């Protein structure tokens, strides 16, 4: 098996010698360079952080950002505190990647509604974030007799808490 792998590697690396190797190296270099420039110009690495300004960098989120600036959570929470999972690192960044892709797709194609609405998966993430931060306050409500068997929704009644409308 090792001999087969060595032979395949030898055949692959020696297929691109001479002018063919130079052309291939140049092509790969151009592709990596253009991709790197595009990612840098788009501020790609900013999306790994928690700065609310990054979330507001898209013009369609200006209203939400302005609302957050004047809202009750400004001094205690960023966008990711309410809109990204708290259970583990992998889920947080998988969620951010999926949301980023969907945002980019919708905003690039212009295929988003005038009134942007939260998707069901993200609604569940936001509900979990409310419970994560406010657990001491909501535990008696969640476990109280009035709500037994009923799914309690924080954002059904408190949808404007993080920002002013």
N, C-alpha and C. Protein backbone atom coordinates (compact mmCIF):
# COMPACT_ATOMS: atom_id res chain seq x y z
N UNK A 1 0.82 -1.19 0.00
CA UNK A 1 0.00 0.00 0.00
C UNK A 1 0.87 1.26 0.00
N UNK A 2 1.92 1.24 0.81
CA UNK A 2 2.83 2.39 0.87
C UNK A 2 3.49 2.61 -0.48
N UNK A 3 3.87 1.52 -1.14
CA UNK A 3 4.51 1.63 -2.46
C UNK A 3 3.55 2.25 -3.46
N UNK A 4 2.28 1.89 -3.39
CA UNK A 4 1.27 2.45 -4.30
C UNK A 4 1.13 3.95 -4.08
N UNK A 5 1.06 4.37 -2.83
CA UNK A 5 0.93 5.79 -2.51
C UNK A 5 2.15 6.56 -3.00
N UNK A 6 3.35 6.01 -2.77
CA UNK A 6 4.57 6.67 -3.24
C UNK A 6 4.58 6.79 -4.76
N UNK A 7 4.14 5.75 -5.44
CA UNK A 7 4.11 5.76 -6.90
C UNK A 7 3.11 6.79 -7.43
N UNK A 8 1.93 6.85 -6.81
CA UNK A 8 0.93 7.84 -7.22
C UNK A 8 1.43 9.26 -6.98
N UNK A 9 2.07 9.46 -5.84
CA UNK A 9 2.62 10.79 -5.53
C UNK A 9 3.71 11.16 -6.53
N UNK A 10 4.58 10.23 -6.86
CA UNK A 10 5.65 10.47 -7.83
C UNK A 10 5.05 10.83 -9.18
N UNK A 11 4.06 10.07 -9.63
CA UNK A 11 3.42 10.34 -10.92
C UNK A 11 2.76 11.71 -10.93
N UNK A 12 2.10 12.05 -9.85
CA UNK A 12 1.41 13.34 -9.75
C UNK A 12 2.40 14.50 -9.79
N UNK A 13 3.44 14.43 -8.96
CA UNK A 13 4.38 15.54 -8.88
C UNK A 13 5.23 15.69 -10.14
N UNK A 14 5.48 14.61 -10.83
CA UNK A 14 6.30 14.70 -12.03
C UNK A 14 5.50 14.99 -13.29
N UNK A 15 4.19 14.98 -13.18
CA UNK A 15 3.34 15.33 -14.32
C UNK A 15 3.37 16.84 -14.57
N UNK A 16 3.73 17.61 -13.53
CA UNK A 16 3.71 19.06 -13.65
C UNK A 16 5.13 19.62 -13.58
N UNK A 17 5.96 19.21 -14.47
CA UNK A 17 7.32 19.74 -14.55
C UNK A 17 7.42 20.61 -15.78
N UNK A 18 8.45 21.40 -15.85
CA UNK A 18 8.66 22.26 -17.01
C UNK A 18 7.63 23.38 -17.07
N UNK A 19 7.22 23.73 -18.29
CA UNK A 19 6.26 24.82 -18.50
C UNK A 19 4.90 24.51 -17.86
N UNK A 20 4.48 23.26 -17.90
CA UNK A 20 3.20 22.88 -17.31
C UNK A 20 3.21 23.16 -15.80
N UNK A 21 4.32 22.87 -15.15
CA UNK A 21 4.45 23.14 -13.71
C UNK A 21 4.43 24.63 -13.40
N UNK A 22 5.09 25.42 -14.24
CA UNK A 22 5.12 26.87 -14.04
C UNK A 22 3.72 27.45 -14.23
N UNK A 23 3.04 27.01 -15.26
CA UNK A 23 1.67 27.50 -15.52
C UNK A 23 0.74 27.11 -14.38
N UNK A 24 0.84 25.87 -13.93
CA UNK A 24 0.00 25.41 -12.82
C UNK A 24 0.29 26.20 -11.55
N UNK A 25 1.56 26.41 -11.24
CA UNK A 25 1.93 27.18 -10.04
C UNK A 25 1.41 28.61 -10.13
N UNK A 26 1.53 29.22 -11.30
CA UNK A 26 1.03 30.59 -11.49
C UNK A 26 -0.49 30.64 -11.32
N UNK A 27 -1.19 29.68 -11.88
CA UNK A 27 -2.64 29.62 -11.78
C UNK A 27 -3.08 29.45 -10.33
N UNK A 28 -2.44 28.54 -9.61
CA UNK A 28 -2.76 28.33 -8.20
C UNK A 28 -2.46 29.61 -7.40
N UNK A 29 -1.34 30.25 -7.70
CA UNK A 29 -0.98 31.49 -7.02
C UNK A 29 -1.99 32.60 -7.24
N UNK A 30 -2.45 32.74 -8.48
CA UNK A 30 -3.46 33.76 -8.79
C UNK A 30 -4.77 33.47 -8.05
N UNK A 31 -5.20 32.22 -8.04
CA UNK A 31 -6.44 31.85 -7.36
C UNK A 31 -6.33 32.13 -5.86
N UNK A 32 -5.23 31.73 -5.25
CA UNK A 32 -5.04 31.98 -3.81
C UNK A 32 -4.95 33.48 -3.54
N UNK A 33 -4.25 34.21 -4.39
CA UNK A 33 -4.12 35.66 -4.21
C UNK A 33 -5.45 36.39 -4.32
N UNK A 34 -6.24 36.06 -5.33
CA UNK A 34 -7.55 36.70 -5.50
C UNK A 34 -8.47 36.35 -4.34
N UNK A 35 -8.46 35.09 -3.93
CA UNK A 35 -9.31 34.66 -2.81
C UNK A 35 -8.88 35.37 -1.53
N UNK A 36 -7.58 35.45 -1.28
CA UNK A 36 -7.07 36.13 -0.09
C UNK A 36 -7.42 37.60 -0.08
N UNK A 37 -7.25 38.27 -1.22
CA UNK A 37 -7.59 39.69 -1.32
C UNK A 37 -9.08 39.90 -1.07
N UNK A 38 -9.90 39.05 -1.67
CA UNK A 38 -11.36 39.16 -1.51
C UNK A 38 -11.75 38.99 -0.05
N UNK A 39 -11.21 37.98 0.61
CA UNK A 39 -11.53 37.74 2.02
C UNK A 39 -11.04 38.90 2.90
N UNK A 40 -9.84 39.41 2.60
CA UNK A 40 -9.31 40.54 3.38
C UNK A 40 -10.17 41.79 3.15
N UNK A 41 -10.49 42.08 1.91
CA UNK A 41 -11.28 43.27 1.56
C UNK A 41 -12.67 43.19 2.19
N UNK A 42 -13.24 41.99 2.28
CA UNK A 42 -14.57 41.80 2.87
C UNK A 42 -14.53 41.81 4.39
N UNK A 43 -13.34 41.87 5.00
CA UNK A 43 -13.24 41.86 6.45
C UNK A 43 -13.60 40.52 7.06
N UNK A 44 -13.26 39.44 6.35
CA UNK A 44 -13.63 38.09 6.74
C UNK A 44 -13.26 37.76 8.18
N UNK A 45 -12.06 38.10 8.61
CA UNK A 45 -11.63 37.73 9.96
C UNK A 45 -12.41 38.47 11.04
N UNK A 46 -13.01 39.60 10.71
CA UNK A 46 -13.83 40.33 11.68
C UNK A 46 -15.00 39.47 12.17
N UNK A 47 -15.47 38.58 11.33
CA UNK A 47 -16.65 37.77 11.67
C UNK A 47 -16.35 36.68 12.69
N UNK A 48 -15.08 36.49 13.04
CA UNK A 48 -14.73 35.53 14.09
C UNK A 48 -14.87 36.17 15.47
N UNK A 49 -14.99 37.49 15.53
CA UNK A 49 -15.09 38.21 16.79
C UNK A 49 -16.54 38.42 17.21
N UNK A 50 -16.71 39.30 18.20
CA UNK A 50 -18.03 39.58 18.75
C UNK A 50 -18.44 41.04 18.63
N UNK A 51 -17.71 41.83 17.85
CA UNK A 51 -18.01 43.26 17.75
C UNK A 51 -19.33 43.50 17.02
N UNK A 52 -20.26 44.19 17.65
CA UNK A 52 -21.55 44.48 17.01
C UNK A 52 -21.40 45.29 15.71
N UNK A 53 -20.34 46.09 15.61
CA UNK A 53 -20.12 46.87 14.40
C UNK A 53 -19.97 45.96 13.18
N UNK A 54 -19.43 44.76 13.40
CA UNK A 54 -19.28 43.81 12.29
C UNK A 54 -20.65 43.36 11.80
N UNK A 55 -21.54 43.06 12.74
CA UNK A 55 -22.89 42.65 12.34
C UNK A 55 -23.61 43.76 11.60
N UNK A 56 -23.31 45.02 11.98
CA UNK A 56 -23.98 46.16 11.36
C UNK A 56 -23.28 46.62 10.08
N UNK A 57 -22.23 45.94 9.67
CA UNK A 57 -21.51 46.37 8.47
C UNK A 57 -22.36 46.22 7.22
N UNK A 58 -23.39 45.43 7.30
CA UNK A 58 -24.32 45.27 6.17
C UNK A 58 -25.41 46.34 6.32
N UNK A 59 -25.67 47.07 5.26
CA UNK A 59 -26.60 48.19 5.35
C UNK A 59 -28.01 47.80 5.79
N UNK A 60 -28.42 46.57 5.57
CA UNK A 60 -29.78 46.17 5.96
C UNK A 60 -29.91 45.95 7.46
N UNK A 61 -28.81 45.92 8.20
CA UNK A 61 -28.87 45.71 9.64
C UNK A 61 -28.72 47.00 10.43
N UNK A 62 -28.70 48.14 9.75
CA UNK A 62 -28.51 49.42 10.43
C UNK A 62 -29.59 49.68 11.47
N UNK A 63 -30.83 49.40 11.15
CA UNK A 63 -31.93 49.64 12.08
C UNK A 63 -31.77 48.82 13.36
N UNK A 64 -31.38 47.54 13.20
CA UNK A 64 -31.18 46.68 14.37
C UNK A 64 -30.01 47.17 15.21
N UNK A 65 -28.94 47.58 14.55
CA UNK A 65 -27.76 48.07 15.27
C UNK A 65 -28.09 49.37 16.02
N UNK A 66 -28.76 50.29 15.35
CA UNK A 66 -29.15 51.54 16.00
C UNK A 66 -30.06 51.28 17.19
N UNK A 67 -30.95 50.31 17.05
CA UNK A 67 -31.83 49.94 18.16
C UNK A 67 -31.04 49.35 19.32
N UNK A 68 -30.05 48.52 19.01
CA UNK A 68 -29.20 47.94 20.06
C UNK A 68 -28.43 49.04 20.80
N UNK A 69 -27.94 50.04 20.05
CA UNK A 69 -27.18 51.14 20.66
C UNK A 69 -28.00 51.88 21.71
N UNK A 70 -29.30 51.96 21.53
CA UNK A 70 -30.16 52.68 22.48
C UNK A 70 -30.96 51.74 23.37
N UNK A 71 -30.76 50.44 23.23
CA UNK A 71 -31.54 49.45 23.96
C UNK A 71 -30.96 49.07 25.30
N UNK A 72 -31.68 48.18 25.98
CA UNK A 72 -31.34 47.80 27.35
C UNK A 72 -30.15 46.84 27.46
N UNK A 73 -29.76 46.19 26.38
CA UNK A 73 -28.68 45.20 26.45
C UNK A 73 -27.32 45.74 25.98
N UNK A 74 -27.26 46.98 25.60
CA UNK A 74 -26.04 47.54 25.02
C UNK A 74 -24.81 47.34 25.91
N UNK A 75 -24.96 47.56 27.20
CA UNK A 75 -23.82 47.48 28.11
C UNK A 75 -23.52 46.08 28.61
N UNK A 76 -24.37 45.10 28.28
CA UNK A 76 -24.19 43.76 28.83
C UNK A 76 -24.12 42.65 27.78
N UNK A 77 -24.46 42.94 26.53
CA UNK A 77 -24.50 41.86 25.53
C UNK A 77 -24.16 42.39 24.14
N UNK A 78 -23.51 41.53 23.36
CA UNK A 78 -23.27 41.82 21.95
C UNK A 78 -24.23 40.97 21.12
N UNK A 79 -24.19 41.12 19.82
CA UNK A 79 -25.07 40.35 18.93
C UNK A 79 -24.94 38.85 19.20
N UNK A 80 -23.70 38.38 19.33
CA UNK A 80 -23.46 36.95 19.51
C UNK A 80 -23.96 36.42 20.85
N UNK A 81 -24.05 37.27 21.85
CA UNK A 81 -24.56 36.82 23.14
C UNK A 81 -26.02 36.37 23.03
N UNK A 82 -26.76 36.98 22.13
CA UNK A 82 -28.18 36.63 21.96
C UNK A 82 -28.44 35.77 20.72
N UNK A 83 -27.57 35.83 19.73
CA UNK A 83 -27.86 35.17 18.46
C UNK A 83 -26.89 34.05 18.09
N UNK A 84 -26.07 33.60 19.04
CA UNK A 84 -25.17 32.46 18.80
C UNK A 84 -25.30 31.49 19.98
N UNK A 85 -25.18 30.19 19.70
CA UNK A 85 -25.30 29.20 20.77
C UNK A 85 -24.22 29.37 21.85
N UNK A 86 -24.59 29.03 23.07
CA UNK A 86 -23.67 29.13 24.20
C UNK A 86 -23.17 27.76 24.63
N UNK A 87 -23.65 26.68 24.00
CA UNK A 87 -23.32 25.35 24.51
C UNK A 87 -21.88 24.92 24.24
N UNK A 88 -21.33 25.26 23.06
CA UNK A 88 -19.92 24.96 22.81
C UNK A 88 -19.38 25.76 21.63
N UNK A 89 -18.08 25.79 21.54
CA UNK A 89 -17.34 26.55 20.53
C UNK A 89 -17.72 26.14 19.11
N UNK A 90 -17.81 24.84 18.87
CA UNK A 90 -18.10 24.33 17.52
C UNK A 90 -19.49 24.76 17.07
N UNK A 91 -20.49 24.61 17.94
CA UNK A 91 -21.84 25.01 17.58
C UNK A 91 -21.94 26.52 17.33
N UNK A 92 -21.22 27.30 18.13
CA UNK A 92 -21.25 28.74 17.95
C UNK A 92 -20.75 29.12 16.55
N UNK A 93 -19.59 28.59 16.17
CA UNK A 93 -19.02 28.99 14.89
C UNK A 93 -19.69 28.29 13.71
N UNK A 94 -20.26 27.13 13.90
CA UNK A 94 -21.05 26.50 12.84
C UNK A 94 -22.30 27.33 12.58
N UNK A 95 -22.93 27.80 13.64
CA UNK A 95 -24.12 28.65 13.51
C UNK A 95 -23.76 29.98 12.83
N UNK A 96 -22.63 30.57 13.26
CA UNK A 96 -22.20 31.83 12.65
C UNK A 96 -21.88 31.65 11.17
N UNK A 97 -21.25 30.52 10.81
CA UNK A 97 -20.92 30.26 9.41
C UNK A 97 -22.18 30.07 8.58
N UNK A 98 -23.13 29.31 9.10
CA UNK A 98 -24.37 29.07 8.36
C UNK A 98 -25.16 30.37 8.20
N UNK A 99 -25.24 31.16 9.26
CA UNK A 99 -25.94 32.44 9.17
C UNK A 99 -25.22 33.40 8.23
N UNK A 100 -23.89 33.42 8.31
CA UNK A 100 -23.13 34.29 7.41
C UNK A 100 -23.34 33.92 5.95
N UNK A 101 -23.34 32.62 5.67
CA UNK A 101 -23.59 32.18 4.30
C UNK A 101 -24.98 32.59 3.83
N UNK A 102 -25.98 32.36 4.69
CA UNK A 102 -27.35 32.71 4.30
C UNK A 102 -27.52 34.21 4.14
N UNK A 103 -26.90 35.00 5.03
CA UNK A 103 -26.97 36.46 4.90
C UNK A 103 -26.33 36.90 3.58
N UNK A 104 -25.13 36.38 3.32
CA UNK A 104 -24.43 36.76 2.09
C UNK A 104 -25.24 36.38 0.86
N UNK A 105 -25.80 35.19 0.86
CA UNK A 105 -26.60 34.74 -0.28
C UNK A 105 -27.82 35.63 -0.48
N UNK A 106 -28.57 35.86 0.59
CA UNK A 106 -29.79 36.68 0.48
C UNK A 106 -29.48 38.12 0.10
N UNK A 107 -28.46 38.71 0.71
CA UNK A 107 -28.16 40.11 0.44
C UNK A 107 -27.52 40.30 -0.93
N UNK A 108 -26.74 39.32 -1.38
CA UNK A 108 -26.13 39.42 -2.70
C UNK A 108 -27.18 39.29 -3.80
N UNK A 109 -28.11 38.37 -3.61
CA UNK A 109 -29.15 38.16 -4.63
C UNK A 109 -30.32 39.12 -4.47
N UNK A 110 -30.38 39.83 -3.34
CA UNK A 110 -31.49 40.74 -3.08
C UNK A 110 -32.78 40.01 -2.74
N UNK A 111 -32.66 38.73 -2.39
CA UNK A 111 -33.82 37.89 -2.13
C UNK A 111 -34.13 37.82 -0.63
N UNK A 112 -34.41 38.96 -0.03
CA UNK A 112 -34.81 38.97 1.37
C UNK A 112 -36.00 39.93 1.51
N UNK A 113 -36.87 39.65 2.46
CA UNK A 113 -38.06 40.48 2.62
C UNK A 113 -37.72 41.86 3.20
N UNK A 114 -38.61 42.81 3.00
CA UNK A 114 -38.43 44.15 3.56
C UNK A 114 -38.31 44.08 5.08
N UNK A 115 -39.15 43.26 5.70
CA UNK A 115 -39.12 43.07 7.15
C UNK A 115 -38.40 41.75 7.42
N UNK A 116 -37.13 41.82 7.78
CA UNK A 116 -36.33 40.62 8.00
C UNK A 116 -36.85 39.90 9.24
N UNK A 117 -37.12 38.62 9.09
CA UNK A 117 -37.63 37.82 10.20
C UNK A 117 -36.64 36.74 10.59
N UNK A 118 -36.64 36.41 11.86
CA UNK A 118 -35.75 35.38 12.38
C UNK A 118 -36.24 34.00 11.94
N UNK A 119 -35.31 33.15 11.52
CA UNK A 119 -35.67 31.78 11.12
C UNK A 119 -35.91 30.92 12.36
N UNK A 120 -36.70 29.86 12.25
CA UNK A 120 -37.04 29.03 13.42
C UNK A 120 -35.81 28.53 14.19
N UNK A 121 -34.77 28.08 13.48
CA UNK A 121 -33.56 27.61 14.18
C UNK A 121 -32.95 28.74 15.01
N UNK A 122 -32.86 29.93 14.44
CA UNK A 122 -32.26 31.05 15.15
C UNK A 122 -33.16 31.55 16.28
N UNK A 123 -34.45 31.38 16.13
CA UNK A 123 -35.38 31.71 17.22
C UNK A 123 -35.07 30.83 18.43
N UNK A 124 -34.83 29.53 18.17
CA UNK A 124 -34.50 28.60 19.26
C UNK A 124 -33.16 28.98 19.90
N UNK A 125 -32.19 29.40 19.11
CA UNK A 125 -30.89 29.82 19.65
C UNK A 125 -31.08 31.04 20.54
N UNK A 126 -31.89 32.00 20.10
CA UNK A 126 -32.14 33.20 20.88
C UNK A 126 -32.87 32.88 22.18
N UNK A 127 -33.87 31.99 22.10
CA UNK A 127 -34.58 31.56 23.31
C UNK A 127 -33.61 30.93 24.31
N UNK A 128 -32.71 30.08 23.82
CA UNK A 128 -31.73 29.43 24.70
C UNK A 128 -30.79 30.46 25.31
N UNK A 129 -30.44 31.49 24.54
CA UNK A 129 -29.56 32.54 25.06
C UNK A 129 -30.24 33.33 26.18
N UNK A 130 -31.54 33.59 26.02
CA UNK A 130 -32.29 34.28 27.08
C UNK A 130 -32.23 33.46 28.37
N UNK A 131 -32.51 32.17 28.23
CA UNK A 131 -32.52 31.28 29.40
C UNK A 131 -31.12 31.14 29.99
N UNK A 132 -30.09 31.17 29.14
CA UNK A 132 -28.71 31.06 29.62
C UNK A 132 -28.35 32.25 30.52
N UNK A 133 -28.66 33.45 30.07
CA UNK A 133 -28.28 34.65 30.82
C UNK A 133 -29.22 34.95 31.99
N UNK A 134 -30.49 34.61 31.84
CA UNK A 134 -31.48 34.99 32.85
C UNK A 134 -32.03 33.78 33.60
N UNK A 135 -31.24 32.74 33.72
CA UNK A 135 -31.69 31.48 34.31
C UNK A 135 -32.24 31.65 35.73
N UNK A 136 -31.54 32.40 36.56
CA UNK A 136 -32.00 32.57 37.95
C UNK A 136 -33.37 33.22 38.02
N UNK A 137 -33.62 34.16 37.11
CA UNK A 137 -34.88 34.87 37.13
C UNK A 137 -36.03 34.05 36.52
N UNK A 138 -35.73 33.27 35.48
CA UNK A 138 -36.81 32.57 34.79
C UNK A 138 -37.07 31.15 35.28
N UNK A 139 -36.15 30.58 36.03
CA UNK A 139 -36.37 29.22 36.55
C UNK A 139 -37.69 29.08 37.30
N UNK A 140 -38.02 30.00 38.21
CA UNK A 140 -39.31 29.86 38.89
C UNK A 140 -40.51 29.96 37.93
N UNK A 141 -40.36 30.72 36.87
CA UNK A 141 -41.45 30.86 35.90
C UNK A 141 -41.58 29.59 35.07
N UNK A 142 -40.44 29.10 34.57
CA UNK A 142 -40.43 27.91 33.72
C UNK A 142 -40.93 26.70 34.48
N UNK A 143 -40.51 26.58 35.74
CA UNK A 143 -40.89 25.41 36.53
C UNK A 143 -42.14 25.64 37.38
N UNK A 144 -42.73 26.83 37.26
CA UNK A 144 -43.95 27.12 38.01
C UNK A 144 -45.13 26.34 37.47
N UNK A 145 -46.13 26.19 38.29
CA UNK A 145 -47.28 25.36 37.92
C UNK A 145 -48.07 25.93 36.74
N UNK A 146 -48.04 27.24 36.55
CA UNK A 146 -48.83 27.85 35.48
C UNK A 146 -48.33 27.46 34.09
N UNK A 147 -47.05 27.08 33.96
CA UNK A 147 -46.49 26.79 32.64
C UNK A 147 -46.12 25.34 32.43
N UNK A 148 -46.51 24.46 33.33
CA UNK A 148 -46.16 23.04 33.17
C UNK A 148 -46.73 22.50 31.86
N UNK A 149 -45.86 21.90 31.08
CA UNK A 149 -46.27 21.31 29.82
C UNK A 149 -46.40 22.30 28.68
N UNK A 150 -46.26 23.57 28.96
CA UNK A 150 -46.37 24.58 27.92
C UNK A 150 -44.97 25.06 27.54
N UNK A 151 -44.74 25.27 26.26
CA UNK A 151 -43.46 25.81 25.83
C UNK A 151 -43.48 27.31 26.07
N UNK A 152 -42.55 27.76 26.88
CA UNK A 152 -42.47 29.17 27.23
C UNK A 152 -41.58 29.90 26.22
N UNK A 153 -42.03 31.03 25.74
CA UNK A 153 -41.27 31.81 24.78
C UNK A 153 -40.94 33.18 25.36
N UNK A 154 -39.66 33.45 25.54
CA UNK A 154 -39.23 34.75 26.05
C UNK A 154 -39.49 35.84 25.01
N UNK A 155 -39.11 35.56 23.77
CA UNK A 155 -39.18 36.61 22.75
C UNK A 155 -40.59 36.83 22.21
N UNK A 156 -41.53 35.98 22.58
CA UNK A 156 -42.91 36.24 22.18
C UNK A 156 -43.40 37.54 22.84
N UNK A 157 -43.07 37.71 24.10
CA UNK A 157 -43.49 38.91 24.83
C UNK A 157 -42.40 39.99 24.89
N UNK A 158 -41.15 39.57 24.82
CA UNK A 158 -40.04 40.51 25.01
C UNK A 158 -39.22 40.68 23.73
N UNK A 159 -39.87 40.78 22.59
CA UNK A 159 -39.13 40.84 21.32
C UNK A 159 -38.37 42.14 21.14
N UNK A 160 -38.67 43.18 21.89
CA UNK A 160 -37.97 44.44 21.75
C UNK A 160 -36.99 44.72 22.87
N UNK A 161 -36.65 43.73 23.67
CA UNK A 161 -35.79 43.94 24.83
C UNK A 161 -34.40 44.42 24.45
N UNK A 162 -33.78 43.81 23.47
CA UNK A 162 -32.40 44.14 23.11
C UNK A 162 -32.26 45.43 22.36
N UNK A 163 -33.36 45.97 21.86
CA UNK A 163 -33.29 47.19 21.07
C UNK A 163 -34.62 47.92 21.14
N UNK A 164 -34.59 49.20 20.89
CA UNK A 164 -35.83 49.99 20.85
C UNK A 164 -36.38 49.96 19.45
N UNK A 165 -37.68 49.90 19.34
CA UNK A 165 -38.33 49.88 18.01
C UNK A 165 -38.95 51.22 17.74
